[in-house]
């Protein structure tokens, strides 16, 4: 597919997508995990999907939506029901 150093980046992206997704769902290190996922989707768009055009199944449409969602979470942060918010409230006491 053209990814640089596939022996290293493949397992690294698999780890990020698995545990980064869990971190975003639970709300632990949310901004950092979402930033990593956004960069992952940006790389996927540029390296793999952009040559296939915009529309699904092989275009950038879905990957762009994933990038936008991850970037929004990275910018806005976790919600009030996250572990990050609970830890921040404890620090303020």
N, C-alpha and C. Protein backbone atom coordinates (compact mmCIF):
# COMPACT_ATOMS: atom_id res chain seq x y z
N UNK A 1 0.81 -1.20 0.00
CA UNK A 1 0.00 0.00 0.00
C UNK A 1 0.85 1.26 0.00
N UNK A 2 2.13 1.13 0.28
CA UNK A 2 3.00 2.29 0.24
C UNK A 2 3.33 2.90 1.58
N UNK A 3 2.94 2.27 2.68
CA UNK A 3 3.26 2.80 4.00
C UNK A 3 4.76 2.65 4.26
N UNK A 4 5.39 3.68 4.83
CA UNK A 4 6.82 3.56 5.11
C UNK A 4 7.08 2.63 6.29
N UNK A 5 8.16 1.85 6.20
CA UNK A 5 8.56 0.90 7.25
C UNK A 5 7.38 0.07 7.76
N UNK A 6 6.77 -0.74 6.91
CA UNK A 6 5.55 -1.45 7.30
C UNK A 6 5.74 -2.42 8.46
N UNK A 7 6.94 -2.93 8.66
CA UNK A 7 7.19 -3.83 9.78
C UNK A 7 7.09 -3.13 11.13
N UNK A 8 7.32 -1.83 11.12
CA UNK A 8 7.24 -1.05 12.36
C UNK A 8 5.90 -0.33 12.46
N UNK A 9 5.51 0.36 11.39
CA UNK A 9 4.29 1.16 11.46
C UNK A 9 3.02 0.32 11.52
N UNK A 10 3.03 -0.87 10.94
CA UNK A 10 1.84 -1.74 10.98
C UNK A 10 1.46 -2.12 12.41
N UNK A 11 2.37 -2.74 13.16
CA UNK A 11 2.03 -3.06 14.55
C UNK A 11 1.76 -1.82 15.41
N UNK A 12 2.47 -0.73 15.13
CA UNK A 12 2.26 0.49 15.89
C UNK A 12 0.85 1.04 15.67
N UNK A 13 0.39 1.03 14.42
CA UNK A 13 -0.96 1.51 14.12
C UNK A 13 -2.03 0.57 14.67
N UNK A 14 -1.75 -0.74 14.63
CA UNK A 14 -2.70 -1.70 15.21
C UNK A 14 -2.84 -1.46 16.71
N UNK A 15 -1.74 -1.22 17.39
CA UNK A 15 -1.76 -0.92 18.82
C UNK A 15 -2.52 0.38 19.09
N UNK A 16 -2.23 1.42 18.31
CA UNK A 16 -2.89 2.71 18.48
C UNK A 16 -4.39 2.60 18.23
N UNK A 17 -4.79 1.93 17.17
CA UNK A 17 -6.20 1.84 16.86
C UNK A 17 -6.96 1.00 17.88
N UNK A 18 -6.32 -0.02 18.44
CA UNK A 18 -6.97 -0.85 19.46
C UNK A 18 -7.07 -0.12 20.78
N UNK A 19 -5.92 0.26 21.34
CA UNK A 19 -5.91 0.84 22.67
C UNK A 19 -6.28 2.32 22.67
N UNK A 20 -5.99 3.03 21.59
CA UNK A 20 -6.43 4.42 21.49
C UNK A 20 -7.94 4.52 21.43
N UNK A 21 -8.57 3.60 20.71
CA UNK A 21 -10.03 3.58 20.66
C UNK A 21 -10.63 3.28 22.02
N UNK A 22 -10.03 2.35 22.74
CA UNK A 22 -10.52 2.04 24.10
C UNK A 22 -10.34 3.24 25.01
N UNK A 23 -9.19 3.92 24.90
CA UNK A 23 -8.95 5.10 25.73
C UNK A 23 -9.97 6.20 25.45
N UNK A 24 -10.32 6.41 24.20
CA UNK A 24 -11.29 7.44 23.85
C UNK A 24 -12.67 7.06 24.39
N UNK A 25 -13.05 5.81 24.29
CA UNK A 25 -14.35 5.37 24.78
C UNK A 25 -14.45 5.53 26.29
N UNK A 26 -13.41 5.10 27.01
CA UNK A 26 -13.41 5.16 28.46
C UNK A 26 -13.19 6.59 28.94
N UNK A 27 -12.38 7.34 28.23
CA UNK A 27 -12.10 8.72 28.61
C UNK A 27 -10.81 8.87 29.38
N UNK A 28 -9.82 8.04 29.08
CA UNK A 28 -8.51 8.11 29.72
C UNK A 28 -7.51 8.61 28.69
N UNK A 29 -6.78 9.67 29.01
CA UNK A 29 -5.83 10.28 28.07
C UNK A 29 -6.51 10.55 26.73
N UNK A 30 -7.70 11.09 26.81
CA UNK A 30 -8.56 11.22 25.65
C UNK A 30 -7.95 12.08 24.55
N UNK A 31 -7.45 13.24 24.91
CA UNK A 31 -6.92 14.15 23.88
C UNK A 31 -5.71 13.55 23.18
N UNK A 32 -4.83 12.91 23.93
CA UNK A 32 -3.65 12.30 23.34
C UNK A 32 -4.03 11.14 22.42
N UNK A 33 -4.94 10.28 22.87
CA UNK A 33 -5.37 9.15 22.04
C UNK A 33 -6.09 9.64 20.79
N UNK A 34 -6.95 10.64 20.93
CA UNK A 34 -7.68 11.16 19.77
C UNK A 34 -6.74 11.84 18.78
N UNK A 35 -5.72 12.52 19.28
CA UNK A 35 -4.75 13.12 18.39
C UNK A 35 -3.99 12.06 17.60
N UNK A 36 -3.61 10.98 18.28
CA UNK A 36 -2.95 9.88 17.59
C UNK A 36 -3.84 9.24 16.53
N UNK A 37 -5.12 9.06 16.86
CA UNK A 37 -6.05 8.48 15.89
C UNK A 37 -6.29 9.42 14.71
N UNK A 38 -6.34 10.73 14.97
CA UNK A 38 -6.50 11.69 13.88
C UNK A 38 -5.30 11.65 12.94
N UNK A 39 -4.10 11.58 13.50
CA UNK A 39 -2.89 11.50 12.67
C UNK A 39 -2.85 10.18 11.88
N UNK A 40 -3.34 9.11 12.49
CA UNK A 40 -3.43 7.82 11.81
C UNK A 40 -4.36 7.93 10.60
N UNK A 41 -5.51 8.55 10.77
CA UNK A 41 -6.46 8.70 9.66
C UNK A 41 -5.93 9.64 8.59
N UNK A 42 -5.20 10.67 9.00
CA UNK A 42 -4.60 11.58 8.02
C UNK A 42 -3.58 10.84 7.17
N UNK A 43 -2.78 9.98 7.81
CA UNK A 43 -1.83 9.16 7.06
C UNK A 43 -2.52 8.18 6.14
N UNK A 44 -3.61 7.58 6.61
CA UNK A 44 -4.36 6.65 5.77
C UNK A 44 -4.95 7.35 4.55
N UNK A 45 -5.43 8.58 4.75
CA UNK A 45 -5.98 9.34 3.63
C UNK A 45 -4.91 9.62 2.58
N UNK A 46 -3.77 10.11 3.05
CA UNK A 46 -2.72 10.54 2.12
C UNK A 46 -2.05 9.35 1.44
N UNK A 47 -1.75 8.30 2.19
CA UNK A 47 -0.98 7.19 1.64
C UNK A 47 -1.84 6.22 0.84
N UNK A 48 -3.05 5.93 1.31
CA UNK A 48 -3.83 4.85 0.70
C UNK A 48 -5.04 5.32 -0.08
N UNK A 49 -5.87 6.18 0.50
CA UNK A 49 -7.21 6.41 -0.03
C UNK A 49 -7.34 7.55 -1.04
N UNK A 50 -6.47 8.53 -1.02
CA UNK A 50 -6.68 9.73 -1.84
C UNK A 50 -6.67 9.42 -3.34
N UNK A 51 -5.92 8.44 -3.75
CA UNK A 51 -5.85 8.11 -5.18
C UNK A 51 -7.14 7.46 -5.69
N UNK A 52 -8.00 7.01 -4.76
CA UNK A 52 -9.24 6.34 -5.14
C UNK A 52 -10.44 7.28 -5.21
N UNK A 53 -10.21 8.56 -5.00
CA UNK A 53 -11.31 9.52 -5.06
C UNK A 53 -11.97 9.72 -3.71
N UNK A 54 -13.18 10.24 -3.74
CA UNK A 54 -13.86 10.63 -2.51
C UNK A 54 -14.79 9.56 -1.95
N UNK A 55 -15.54 8.88 -2.80
CA UNK A 55 -16.65 8.07 -2.32
C UNK A 55 -16.26 6.66 -1.89
N UNK A 56 -17.06 6.10 -0.99
CA UNK A 56 -16.90 4.74 -0.47
C UNK A 56 -17.05 3.77 -1.63
N UNK A 57 -16.44 2.64 -1.69
CA UNK A 57 -15.79 1.89 -0.63
C UNK A 57 -14.30 2.15 -0.49
N UNK A 58 -13.65 2.71 -1.48
CA UNK A 58 -12.19 2.84 -1.38
C UNK A 58 -11.71 4.28 -1.30
N UNK A 59 -12.61 5.24 -1.35
CA UNK A 59 -12.22 6.64 -1.32
C UNK A 59 -11.98 7.16 0.09
N UNK A 60 -11.82 8.47 0.20
CA UNK A 60 -11.47 9.07 1.49
C UNK A 60 -12.68 9.46 2.33
N UNK A 61 -13.89 9.24 1.83
CA UNK A 61 -15.09 9.72 2.52
C UNK A 61 -15.17 9.23 3.97
N UNK A 62 -15.08 7.95 4.21
CA UNK A 62 -15.20 7.39 5.55
C UNK A 62 -13.99 7.75 6.40
N UNK A 63 -12.81 7.67 5.83
CA UNK A 63 -11.58 8.00 6.56
C UNK A 63 -11.58 9.48 6.96
N UNK A 64 -12.11 10.34 6.10
CA UNK A 64 -12.23 11.76 6.41
C UNK A 64 -13.20 11.98 7.58
N UNK A 65 -14.28 11.23 7.62
CA UNK A 65 -15.22 11.33 8.74
C UNK A 65 -14.57 10.86 10.04
N UNK A 66 -13.78 9.79 9.99
CA UNK A 66 -13.07 9.33 11.18
C UNK A 66 -12.04 10.36 11.63
N UNK A 67 -11.34 10.97 10.68
CA UNK A 67 -10.38 12.02 11.00
C UNK A 67 -11.07 13.19 11.67
N UNK A 68 -12.19 13.63 11.12
CA UNK A 68 -12.90 14.77 11.68
C UNK A 68 -13.40 14.48 13.09
N UNK A 69 -13.91 13.28 13.32
CA UNK A 69 -14.37 12.92 14.66
C UNK A 69 -13.25 12.88 15.67
N UNK A 70 -12.13 12.28 15.29
CA UNK A 70 -10.99 12.20 16.20
C UNK A 70 -10.40 13.59 16.45
N UNK A 71 -10.32 14.42 15.42
CA UNK A 71 -9.81 15.78 15.60
C UNK A 71 -10.72 16.60 16.49
N UNK A 72 -12.03 16.42 16.35
CA UNK A 72 -12.98 17.14 17.22
C UNK A 72 -12.81 16.73 18.67
N UNK A 73 -12.64 15.45 18.93
CA UNK A 73 -12.43 14.99 20.30
C UNK A 73 -11.10 15.49 20.84
N UNK A 74 -10.07 15.51 20.00
CA UNK A 74 -8.77 16.02 20.44
C UNK A 74 -8.85 17.50 20.78
N UNK A 75 -9.62 18.26 20.03
CA UNK A 75 -9.74 19.69 20.29
C UNK A 75 -10.68 20.00 21.45
N UNK A 76 -11.79 19.30 21.55
CA UNK A 76 -12.80 19.60 22.57
C UNK A 76 -12.56 18.88 23.89
N UNK A 77 -11.85 17.78 23.84
CA UNK A 77 -11.58 17.03 25.06
C UNK A 77 -12.71 16.08 25.42
N UNK A 78 -12.52 15.37 26.52
CA UNK A 78 -13.53 14.40 26.93
C UNK A 78 -14.75 15.08 27.55
N UNK A 79 -15.81 14.35 27.62
CA UNK A 79 -17.02 14.87 28.24
C UNK A 79 -16.97 14.79 29.75
N UNK A 80 -18.05 15.19 30.38
CA UNK A 80 -18.10 15.23 31.84
C UNK A 80 -18.19 13.85 32.48
N UNK A 81 -18.52 12.83 31.71
CA UNK A 81 -18.62 11.47 32.24
C UNK A 81 -17.39 10.63 31.95
N UNK A 82 -16.23 11.26 31.76
CA UNK A 82 -15.02 10.53 31.45
C UNK A 82 -14.13 10.40 32.68
N UNK A 83 -13.20 9.49 32.61
CA UNK A 83 -12.23 9.32 33.69
C UNK A 83 -11.36 10.56 33.80
N UNK A 84 -11.01 11.18 32.67
CA UNK A 84 -10.22 12.41 32.69
C UNK A 84 -10.93 13.51 33.47
N UNK A 85 -12.23 13.68 33.26
CA UNK A 85 -13.00 14.70 34.00
C UNK A 85 -13.07 14.37 35.48
N UNK A 86 -13.21 13.10 35.82
CA UNK A 86 -13.24 12.69 37.22
C UNK A 86 -11.91 12.99 37.90
N UNK A 87 -10.80 12.71 37.23
CA UNK A 87 -9.48 13.00 37.79
C UNK A 87 -9.24 14.50 37.92
N UNK A 88 -9.71 15.28 36.95
CA UNK A 88 -9.55 16.73 37.02
C UNK A 88 -10.36 17.31 38.18
N UNK A 89 -11.55 16.76 38.42
CA UNK A 89 -12.38 17.25 39.55
C UNK A 89 -11.72 16.91 40.88
N UNK A 90 -11.07 15.79 40.98
CA UNK A 90 -10.37 15.41 42.22
C UNK A 90 -9.18 16.33 42.49
N UNK A 91 -8.49 16.74 41.44
CA UNK A 91 -7.34 17.64 41.61
C UNK A 91 -7.74 19.00 42.13
N UNK A 92 -8.93 19.46 41.76
CA UNK A 92 -9.41 20.79 42.17
C UNK A 92 -9.76 20.85 43.65
N UNK A 93 -10.04 19.72 44.26
CA UNK A 93 -10.44 19.71 45.67
C UNK A 93 -9.30 19.98 46.57
